[in-house]
């Protein structure tokens, strides 16, 4: 039994330079809230997790013929509901992947 909510606000901008290059930068604020009730022991768990993450930088090259190779560096955040057997809430998942194509 519980209630969960996830919200985000994001902004992004791009800048074209030269005839074939585009730089993209942006950010987002994620908020994750959860309230759960353990029916076995009556313990109520409240989770309030938030983070600022973003597409810190992406570079895109227009190679022609519809081909757009890119490189991108981002941050990620995912809220996590629940708790362990001692009642400690789980930490959110974060990451910093780098993608290339």
N, C-alpha and C. Protein backbone atom coordinates (compact mmCIF):
# COMPACT_ATOMS: atom_id res chain seq x y z
N UNK A 1 0.85 -1.16 0.00
CA UNK A 1 0.00 0.00 0.00
C UNK A 1 0.90 1.23 0.00
N UNK A 2 0.63 2.19 -0.91
CA UNK A 2 1.48 3.38 -0.92
C UNK A 2 1.10 4.35 -2.03
N UNK A 3 1.85 5.42 -2.08
CA UNK A 3 1.63 6.47 -3.05
C UNK A 3 2.99 6.90 -3.58
N UNK A 4 3.12 7.03 -4.90
CA UNK A 4 4.39 7.42 -5.51
C UNK A 4 4.15 8.56 -6.49
N UNK A 5 5.12 9.47 -6.59
CA UNK A 5 5.04 10.58 -7.54
C UNK A 5 6.44 10.88 -8.05
N UNK A 6 6.54 11.15 -9.33
CA UNK A 6 7.81 11.51 -9.95
C UNK A 6 7.57 12.73 -10.83
N UNK A 7 8.41 13.74 -10.67
CA UNK A 7 8.26 14.96 -11.46
C UNK A 7 9.62 15.41 -11.98
N UNK A 8 9.63 16.13 -13.10
CA UNK A 8 10.87 16.67 -13.61
C UNK A 8 10.63 17.98 -14.33
N UNK A 9 11.66 18.82 -14.31
CA UNK A 9 11.68 20.07 -15.06
C UNK A 9 12.97 20.04 -15.87
N UNK A 10 12.88 20.35 -17.16
CA UNK A 10 14.10 20.29 -17.98
C UNK A 10 14.18 21.48 -18.93
N UNK A 11 15.41 21.78 -19.34
CA UNK A 11 15.68 22.83 -20.32
C UNK A 11 16.85 22.38 -21.18
N UNK A 12 16.81 22.75 -22.44
CA UNK A 12 17.87 22.36 -23.38
C UNK A 12 18.04 23.45 -24.42
N UNK A 13 19.26 23.61 -24.89
CA UNK A 13 19.53 24.60 -25.92
C UNK A 13 20.57 24.02 -26.87
N UNK A 14 20.54 24.50 -28.10
CA UNK A 14 21.54 24.05 -29.06
C UNK A 14 22.15 25.23 -29.79
N UNK A 15 23.39 25.05 -30.20
CA UNK A 15 24.14 26.09 -30.89
C UNK A 15 24.76 25.48 -32.13
N UNK A 16 24.46 26.05 -33.28
CA UNK A 16 25.06 25.59 -34.53
C UNK A 16 26.29 26.43 -34.80
N UNK A 17 27.38 25.78 -35.18
CA UNK A 17 28.58 26.51 -35.55
C UNK A 17 29.20 25.83 -36.77
N UNK A 18 29.70 26.64 -37.67
CA UNK A 18 30.14 26.10 -38.94
C UNK A 18 28.92 25.64 -39.73
N UNK A 19 29.14 24.93 -40.80
CA UNK A 19 28.02 24.44 -41.60
C UNK A 19 27.52 23.08 -41.15
N UNK A 20 28.31 22.35 -40.38
CA UNK A 20 27.95 20.96 -40.09
C UNK A 20 27.92 20.59 -38.61
N UNK A 21 28.31 21.46 -37.72
CA UNK A 21 28.41 21.11 -36.30
C UNK A 21 27.28 21.71 -35.47
N UNK A 22 26.79 20.93 -34.50
CA UNK A 22 25.79 21.41 -33.54
C UNK A 22 26.22 20.95 -32.14
N UNK A 23 26.19 21.88 -31.19
CA UNK A 23 26.44 21.56 -29.78
C UNK A 23 25.11 21.66 -29.04
N UNK A 24 24.84 20.71 -28.17
CA UNK A 24 23.59 20.67 -27.40
C UNK A 24 23.95 20.57 -25.92
N UNK A 25 23.34 21.41 -25.10
CA UNK A 25 23.55 21.37 -23.65
C UNK A 25 22.21 21.54 -22.95
N UNK A 26 22.08 20.93 -21.80
CA UNK A 26 20.82 21.06 -21.08
C UNK A 26 20.93 20.50 -19.69
N UNK A 27 19.84 20.60 -18.96
CA UNK A 27 19.80 20.07 -17.60
C UNK A 27 18.38 19.73 -17.22
N UNK A 28 18.25 18.96 -16.16
CA UNK A 28 16.93 18.61 -15.66
C UNK A 28 16.99 18.41 -14.16
N UNK A 29 15.86 18.69 -13.52
CA UNK A 29 15.72 18.49 -12.09
C UNK A 29 14.66 17.42 -11.89
N UNK A 30 15.04 16.31 -11.28
CA UNK A 30 14.12 15.20 -11.02
C UNK A 30 13.78 15.17 -9.54
N UNK A 31 12.53 14.87 -9.26
CA UNK A 31 12.08 14.71 -7.87
C UNK A 31 11.24 13.44 -7.80
N UNK A 32 11.53 12.60 -6.81
CA UNK A 32 10.81 11.35 -6.62
C UNK A 32 10.35 11.27 -5.16
N UNK A 33 9.05 11.11 -4.96
CA UNK A 33 8.47 10.99 -3.62
C UNK A 33 7.69 9.68 -3.53
N UNK A 34 7.77 9.05 -2.37
CA UNK A 34 7.05 7.80 -2.17
C UNK A 34 6.69 7.66 -0.69
N UNK A 35 5.48 7.21 -0.44
CA UNK A 35 5.04 6.88 0.92
C UNK A 35 4.48 5.46 0.86
N UNK A 36 5.06 4.58 1.68
CA UNK A 36 4.59 3.19 1.70
C UNK A 36 4.29 2.77 3.14
N UNK A 37 3.42 1.80 3.27
CA UNK A 37 3.05 1.27 4.58
C UNK A 37 3.30 -0.24 4.56
N UNK A 38 4.09 -0.72 5.52
CA UNK A 38 4.32 -2.14 5.68
C UNK A 38 3.14 -2.72 6.44
N UNK A 39 2.38 -3.57 5.80
CA UNK A 39 1.17 -4.12 6.43
C UNK A 39 1.49 -5.11 7.55
N UNK A 40 2.70 -5.66 7.56
CA UNK A 40 3.05 -6.64 8.59
C UNK A 40 3.38 -5.98 9.93
N UNK A 41 4.13 -4.86 9.87
CA UNK A 41 4.53 -4.24 11.14
C UNK A 41 4.00 -2.81 11.33
N UNK A 42 3.26 -2.29 10.35
CA UNK A 42 2.66 -0.96 10.47
C UNK A 42 3.63 0.20 10.30
N UNK A 43 4.84 -0.06 9.84
CA UNK A 43 5.84 1.00 9.68
C UNK A 43 5.59 1.74 8.36
N UNK A 44 5.52 3.05 8.45
CA UNK A 44 5.33 3.90 7.28
C UNK A 44 6.70 4.44 6.85
N UNK A 45 7.01 4.33 5.56
CA UNK A 45 8.29 4.80 5.01
C UNK A 45 8.02 5.96 4.07
N UNK A 46 8.71 7.09 4.30
CA UNK A 46 8.58 8.27 3.44
C UNK A 46 9.91 8.47 2.73
N UNK A 47 9.86 8.56 1.41
CA UNK A 47 11.06 8.75 0.59
C UNK A 47 10.92 10.06 -0.16
N UNK A 48 11.94 10.90 -0.08
CA UNK A 48 12.00 12.17 -0.80
C UNK A 48 13.39 12.27 -1.41
N UNK A 49 13.50 11.97 -2.71
CA UNK A 49 14.78 11.97 -3.40
C UNK A 49 14.72 12.95 -4.55
N UNK A 50 15.81 13.71 -4.77
CA UNK A 50 15.84 14.64 -5.89
C UNK A 50 17.28 14.85 -6.34
N UNK A 51 17.43 15.30 -7.58
CA UNK A 51 18.77 15.53 -8.13
C UNK A 51 18.68 16.42 -9.36
N UNK A 52 19.74 17.20 -9.58
CA UNK A 52 19.90 17.93 -10.83
C UNK A 52 20.84 17.12 -11.70
N UNK A 53 20.37 16.77 -12.88
CA UNK A 53 21.19 16.02 -13.83
C UNK A 53 21.09 16.71 -15.18
N UNK A 54 21.90 16.29 -16.12
CA UNK A 54 21.78 16.95 -17.40
C UNK A 54 22.55 16.31 -18.51
N UNK A 55 22.18 16.72 -19.69
CA UNK A 55 22.98 16.44 -20.86
C UNK A 55 24.03 17.53 -20.85
N UNK A 56 25.16 17.24 -20.28
CA UNK A 56 26.17 18.27 -20.09
C UNK A 56 26.72 18.77 -21.42
N UNK A 57 26.87 17.87 -22.38
CA UNK A 57 27.35 18.30 -23.69
C UNK A 57 27.15 17.19 -24.70
N UNK A 58 26.64 17.56 -25.85
CA UNK A 58 26.58 16.66 -27.00
C UNK A 58 27.11 17.42 -28.20
N UNK A 59 27.89 16.75 -29.02
CA UNK A 59 28.37 17.31 -30.27
C UNK A 59 27.86 16.43 -31.40
N UNK A 60 27.24 17.07 -32.40
CA UNK A 60 26.67 16.35 -33.53
C UNK A 60 27.29 16.89 -34.81
N UNK A 61 27.67 15.99 -35.71
CA UNK A 61 28.26 16.37 -37.00
C UNK A 61 27.33 15.93 -38.11
N UNK A 62 26.99 16.83 -39.01
CA UNK A 62 26.16 16.52 -40.17
C UNK A 62 27.07 16.04 -41.28
N UNK A 63 27.17 14.70 -41.44
CA UNK A 63 28.06 14.11 -42.43
C UNK A 63 27.43 14.06 -43.82
N UNK A 64 26.18 14.47 -43.94
CA UNK A 64 25.48 14.41 -45.22
C UNK A 64 24.75 13.08 -45.39
N UNK A 65 23.87 13.02 -46.35
CA UNK A 65 23.08 11.81 -46.66
C UNK A 65 22.32 11.29 -45.44
N UNK A 66 21.92 12.19 -44.53
CA UNK A 66 21.13 11.79 -43.38
C UNK A 66 21.92 11.13 -42.27
N UNK A 67 23.24 11.19 -42.32
CA UNK A 67 24.09 10.58 -41.31
C UNK A 67 24.57 11.66 -40.33
N UNK A 68 24.32 11.44 -39.01
CA UNK A 68 24.67 12.40 -37.97
C UNK A 68 25.42 11.72 -36.83
N UNK A 69 26.70 11.44 -36.97
CA UNK A 69 27.45 10.86 -35.84
C UNK A 69 27.54 11.87 -34.69
N UNK A 70 27.58 11.35 -33.46
CA UNK A 70 27.59 12.25 -32.30
C UNK A 70 28.37 11.64 -31.14
N UNK A 71 28.70 12.48 -30.18
CA UNK A 71 29.24 12.06 -28.89
C UNK A 71 28.45 12.83 -27.84
N UNK A 72 28.12 12.16 -26.73
CA UNK A 72 27.28 12.78 -25.72
C UNK A 72 27.75 12.35 -24.33
N UNK A 73 27.74 13.29 -23.40
CA UNK A 73 28.08 13.02 -22.00
C UNK A 73 26.90 13.48 -21.15
N UNK A 74 26.31 12.56 -20.38
CA UNK A 74 25.09 12.84 -19.62
C UNK A 74 25.23 12.40 -18.16
N UNK A 75 24.31 12.87 -17.34
CA UNK A 75 24.10 12.38 -15.98
C UNK A 75 22.73 11.74 -15.94
N UNK A 76 22.53 10.78 -15.04
CA UNK A 76 21.21 10.17 -14.91
C UNK A 76 20.86 10.01 -13.44
N UNK A 77 19.55 9.93 -13.18
CA UNK A 77 19.01 9.77 -11.83
C UNK A 77 17.73 8.96 -11.91
N UNK A 78 17.58 8.00 -11.00
CA UNK A 78 16.33 7.24 -10.91
C UNK A 78 16.02 7.02 -9.44
N UNK A 79 14.90 7.55 -9.00
CA UNK A 79 14.47 7.36 -7.62
C UNK A 79 14.16 5.90 -7.35
N UNK A 80 14.30 5.49 -6.09
CA UNK A 80 14.13 4.09 -5.72
C UNK A 80 13.21 3.99 -4.53
N UNK A 81 12.10 3.27 -4.66
CA UNK A 81 11.19 3.12 -3.53
C UNK A 81 11.52 1.86 -2.74
N UNK A 82 11.01 1.79 -1.54
CA UNK A 82 11.18 0.60 -0.71
C UNK A 82 12.24 0.77 0.35
N UNK A 83 12.37 -0.27 1.16
CA UNK A 83 13.35 -0.25 2.24
C UNK A 83 13.83 -1.67 2.50
N UNK A 84 14.98 -1.76 3.18
CA UNK A 84 15.50 -3.08 3.53
C UNK A 84 14.80 -3.61 4.78
N UNK A 85 15.21 -4.74 5.26
CA UNK A 85 14.52 -5.36 6.40
C UNK A 85 14.69 -4.59 7.71
N UNK A 86 15.64 -3.64 7.73
CA UNK A 86 15.85 -2.81 8.91
C UNK A 86 15.12 -1.47 8.82
N UNK A 87 14.41 -1.23 7.71
CA UNK A 87 13.67 0.01 7.54
C UNK A 87 14.46 1.13 6.88
N UNK A 88 15.70 0.85 6.46
CA UNK A 88 16.51 1.85 5.76
C UNK A 88 16.07 1.96 4.31
N UNK A 89 15.80 3.18 3.84
CA UNK A 89 15.37 3.36 2.46
C UNK A 89 16.54 3.15 1.51
N UNK A 90 16.22 2.72 0.29
CA UNK A 90 17.25 2.50 -0.72
C UNK A 90 17.70 3.83 -1.30
N UNK A 91 18.97 3.89 -1.70
CA UNK A 91 19.52 5.10 -2.33
C UNK A 91 19.10 5.15 -3.79
N UNK A 92 18.94 6.36 -4.35
CA UNK A 92 18.61 6.46 -5.77
C UNK A 92 19.78 6.00 -6.63
N UNK A 93 19.48 5.62 -7.85
CA UNK A 93 20.50 5.20 -8.80
C UNK A 93 20.96 6.41 -9.61
N UNK A 94 22.27 6.60 -9.71
CA UNK A 94 22.83 7.68 -10.52
C UNK A 94 23.88 7.11 -11.45
N UNK A 95 24.16 7.82 -12.52
CA UNK A 95 25.16 7.34 -13.48
C UNK A 95 25.68 8.46 -14.35
N UNK A 96 26.80 8.18 -15.01
CA UNK A 96 27.41 9.12 -15.95
C UNK A 96 27.88 8.37 -17.19
N UNK A 97 26.96 8.03 -18.07
CA UNK A 97 27.37 7.34 -19.29
C UNK A 97 27.92 8.30 -20.34
N UNK A 98 28.81 7.78 -21.15
CA UNK A 98 29.30 8.52 -22.33
C UNK A 98 28.90 7.70 -23.54
N UNK A 99 28.22 8.32 -24.48
CA UNK A 99 27.77 7.60 -25.69
C UNK A 99 28.46 8.17 -26.90
N UNK A 100 28.78 7.26 -27.82
CA UNK A 100 29.38 7.66 -29.10
C UNK A 100 28.70 6.88 -30.20
N UNK A 101 28.57 7.53 -31.33
CA UNK A 101 28.08 6.82 -32.50
C UNK A 101 28.71 7.41 -33.71
